[in-house]
Structures are given as C-alpha cells and as structure tokens.
Protein backbone atom coordinates (compact mmCIF):
# COMPACT_ATOMS: atom_id res chain seq x y z
CA MET A 1 -177.35 6.13 142.73
CA ALA A 2 -176.42 7.46 139.27
CA SER A 3 -172.76 6.06 140.33
CA GLU A 4 -173.84 2.29 140.95
CA ASN A 5 -175.80 2.42 137.63
CA GLN A 6 -172.73 3.17 135.94
CA GLN A 7 -170.43 0.76 137.87
CA ASP A 8 -173.02 -2.08 136.46
CA GLU A 9 -172.79 -1.07 133.04
CA LYS A 10 -170.03 -2.95 130.82
CA LEU A 11 -168.68 -2.46 127.65
CA VAL A 12 -169.24 -4.45 124.47
CA GLU A 13 -167.56 -2.93 122.25
CA LEU A 14 -165.85 0.32 120.53
CA VAL A 15 -166.19 0.63 116.70
CA LYS A 16 -164.19 3.45 114.75
CA LYS A 17 -165.53 4.51 111.17
CA HIS A 18 -164.34 1.89 108.43
CA TRP A 19 -161.28 2.74 106.64
CA MET A 20 -162.94 3.64 103.63
CA TYR A 21 -163.99 7.02 105.35
CA LEU A 22 -160.55 8.10 104.12
CA PHE A 23 -160.68 7.26 100.58
CA ARG A 24 -162.33 10.29 99.33
CA PRO A 25 -160.12 12.39 101.11
CA LEU A 26 -156.86 10.62 99.81
CA SER A 27 -157.99 10.74 96.50
CA LEU A 28 -158.49 14.29 96.36
CA TYR A 29 -154.97 14.43 98.80
CA SER A 30 -153.51 12.57 95.79
CA LEU A 31 -154.97 14.52 92.94
CA GLY A 32 -153.74 18.02 94.68
CA TRP A 33 -149.91 16.75 94.97
CA GLY A 34 -150.39 15.83 91.34
CA LEU A 35 -151.29 19.36 90.59
CA CYS A 36 -148.58 20.78 93.04
CA LEU A 37 -145.90 18.83 91.49
CA THR A 38 -146.83 19.62 88.07
CA PHE A 39 -146.73 23.48 89.22
CA PHE A 40 -142.89 22.61 90.64
CA ILE A 41 -142.07 21.34 87.36
CA PHE A 42 -143.33 24.54 85.55
CA ALA A 43 -141.66 26.74 88.00
CA ASP A 44 -138.62 24.81 87.31
CA ALA A 45 -138.73 24.96 83.65
CA LEU A 46 -140.02 29.02 83.20
CA PHE A 47 -136.88 30.24 86.49
CA LEU A 48 -134.36 31.20 84.25
CA GLU A 49 -136.57 32.61 81.49
CA TRP A 50 -139.43 34.32 82.92
CA HIS A 51 -138.79 34.58 86.80
CA ASN A 52 -141.99 36.24 87.82
CA ALA A 53 -144.01 33.46 86.02
CA SER A 54 -141.77 31.07 87.98
CA MET A 55 -142.65 32.85 91.16
CA LEU A 56 -146.22 32.61 90.09
CA PHE A 57 -146.01 28.92 89.64
CA LEU A 58 -144.28 28.04 92.88
CA LEU A 59 -146.99 30.30 95.21
CA LEU A 60 -149.51 27.98 93.16
CA ALA A 61 -147.59 24.97 94.35
CA PHE A 62 -147.50 26.06 97.68
CA LEU A 63 -150.79 27.62 99.05
CA PRO A 64 -152.84 24.27 97.59
CA LEU A 65 -149.99 21.95 99.48
CA LEU A 66 -150.42 24.01 102.47
CA VAL A 67 -154.53 23.94 102.96
CA GLY A 68 -154.49 20.35 101.42
CA HIS A 69 -152.29 18.82 104.16
CA HIS A 70 -153.84 20.36 106.93
CA TRP A 71 -157.31 19.41 105.63
CA PHE A 72 -156.37 15.73 105.16
CA PHE A 73 -154.89 16.11 108.62
CA PHE A 74 -158.29 16.77 110.26
CA TYR A 75 -160.17 14.16 108.11
CA LEU A 76 -157.38 11.73 110.13
CA LEU A 77 -157.91 13.21 113.17
CA SER A 78 -161.88 13.24 112.97
CA ARG A 79 -161.52 9.55 111.91
CA GLU A 80 -159.37 8.87 115.24
CA LEU A 81 -161.39 10.74 117.39
CA SER A 82 -164.71 10.23 116.43
CA LEU A 83 -166.01 6.45 117.30
CA ILE A 84 -169.16 4.54 118.54
CA VAL A 85 -169.21 2.88 122.37
CA ILE A 86 -171.31 0.04 122.66
CA THR A 87 -172.01 -0.92 126.37
CA ASP A 88 -174.94 -3.45 127.85
CA LYS A 89 -177.37 -0.30 128.58
CA GLN A 90 -176.84 2.30 125.64
CA ILE A 91 -174.82 3.20 122.60
CA LEU A 92 -172.69 6.39 122.62
CA LYS A 93 -171.63 8.27 119.46
CA PHE A 94 -168.73 10.46 119.65
CA ASP A 95 -168.12 12.95 116.71
CA TYR A 96 -164.95 15.03 118.05
CA LEU A 97 -162.90 17.63 116.29
CA PRO A 98 -161.07 19.90 117.80
CA LEU A 99 -162.31 23.37 118.03
CA ILE A 100 -164.89 22.72 115.43
CA LYS A 101 -166.98 19.72 116.20
CA LYS A 102 -167.93 18.06 119.58
CA ASP A 103 -170.97 16.03 119.05
CA LEU A 104 -172.31 13.21 121.54
CA GLU A 105 -175.27 10.91 120.68
CA LEU A 106 -177.13 8.68 123.32
CA VAL A 107 -179.27 5.78 122.84
CA VAL A 108 -180.29 3.85 125.29
CA VAL A 109 -180.66 -0.07 124.01
CA HIS A 110 -184.16 -0.76 125.67
CA ASN A 111 -185.69 2.27 123.89
CA ILE A 112 -184.78 0.89 120.35
CA ASP A 113 -187.88 0.80 118.11
CA GLU A 114 -186.31 -0.37 114.84
CA ILE A 115 -182.66 -0.74 113.38
CA GLU A 116 -182.10 -0.50 109.83
CA GLU A 117 -178.63 -1.15 108.22
CA LYS A 118 -178.25 0.15 104.72
CA GLN A 119 -175.18 -1.01 102.24
CA GLU A 120 -175.59 0.94 99.14
CA GLY A 121 -173.12 0.97 96.04
CA ILE A 122 -170.49 -1.53 94.86
CA LEU A 123 -167.91 -0.56 97.19
CA GLN A 124 -169.61 -0.61 100.56
CA ASN A 125 -170.65 -4.32 99.51
CA ILE A 126 -167.43 -5.00 98.31
CA PHE A 127 -165.26 -3.58 101.64
CA HIS A 128 -168.61 -4.78 104.14
CA TYR A 129 -169.04 -1.40 105.38
CA GLY A 130 -172.44 0.68 105.78
CA THR A 131 -174.93 2.72 107.44
CA VAL A 132 -176.94 1.64 110.34
CA LEU A 133 -180.18 3.95 111.50
CA ILE A 134 -181.31 3.40 114.95
CA GLN A 135 -185.08 4.62 115.49
CA THR A 136 -186.44 5.12 119.13
CA SER A 137 -189.50 6.74 120.02
CA SER A 138 -188.38 9.46 122.08
CA ALA A 139 -186.45 10.91 119.16
CA PRO A 140 -188.60 11.98 115.87
CA LEU A 141 -185.30 11.27 113.55
CA PRO A 142 -183.52 8.09 113.70
CA VAL A 143 -179.66 8.07 114.77
CA LEU A 144 -177.65 7.94 111.54
CA LEU A 145 -174.10 5.62 112.11
CA CYS A 146 -172.20 6.08 108.90
CA TYR A 147 -169.19 3.97 107.69
CA ILE A 148 -169.65 1.03 110.23
CA PRO A 149 -167.51 -1.86 109.48
CA HIS A 150 -169.73 -5.03 108.99
CA PRO A 151 -172.93 -3.20 109.59
CA THR A 152 -174.57 -6.64 110.08
CA GLY A 153 -172.69 -7.63 113.19
CA PHE A 154 -172.85 -4.44 114.22
CA ILE A 155 -177.21 -5.13 114.66
CA ARG A 156 -176.49 -8.45 115.70
CA LYS A 157 -174.81 -7.02 118.74
CA ILE A 158 -177.38 -4.60 119.30
CA ARG A 159 -180.08 -6.78 118.98
CA ALA A 160 -178.38 -9.61 121.32
CA LEU A 161 -178.18 -6.52 124.18
CA LYS A 162 -182.28 -5.74 123.84
C-alpha cells in the first residue's frame, strides 16, 4: 500500500541553498589566505638571518591553510548535499554532511497551517533569498528553511499544492 502511494507522488521541484550561503565562508577563507601569504612573506624575508623565526612563520602559515581548506570544503559539500525536495504531497528537507550530520525533516503539504517568508537585511533583498517558516499543527516548532532562493515563488508553489 505504501509503495502505491509513493508511485502516485510527483516531484515538483528540487531546491538547493542560495549561493549566498557561501558568502561568509568565502570571505573568511580569503582573509585566511591573505594571512597565510603574509606569514609566507615573513618566513621568506627572515630565512637567512633568523632561521628559527622563519620556520615558525612557515608553521603559522601552513596550519591555518590546512584547516581552512578542509573547513571550506565542508561548507561546499554541505551546500551540495543538502537540498529540499517538493513533491505534490510532501516537503522533504535533507541536511547531510558525511560523518557529521544527517537530518531529515518531512512536512505533509495538507498539514501545513501557515507559511511565512522572511527577507531581512539588504543582502537578502538584493540577491532574492530568505528564510521560509512552515508551521504545522502536529509540530510545536516551525520547520525552518534557510537560504531559499526566491522565497515568494517557493511559497506560491507550496500554496498551489494545498
């Protein structure tokens, strides 16, 4: 019986997080690269006169670079593996990051009581992304969907399904 219901279900849309999700990590990543390049320059300048200080600056350059690369890779991976699936009967929110996080939230479209859109700040209004809150009678807290591109259109599609 469950397989028959799943066969009747049709995919409406797949939604990924807006690219602005990567703005803060990319900014921090760029600042980290600048700091590491500064340490590399100091290490090069001090190499002949103070060899030990030069090695310290090399270490101070490589460690943040190593950590920063992995941290930024996880942000990219998180954006690619996390998505929202809208079908004609339900909304599925997948948040997945290998070995760290595996979250699944499911909202049945017919159980939705209220849908709210929030676009706060100048960046969200310029780049057309925001947060969508979905309140159901069965859940005490609303389902929070962050970094949704064009939230007004997203809400319009969900309301059309009801």
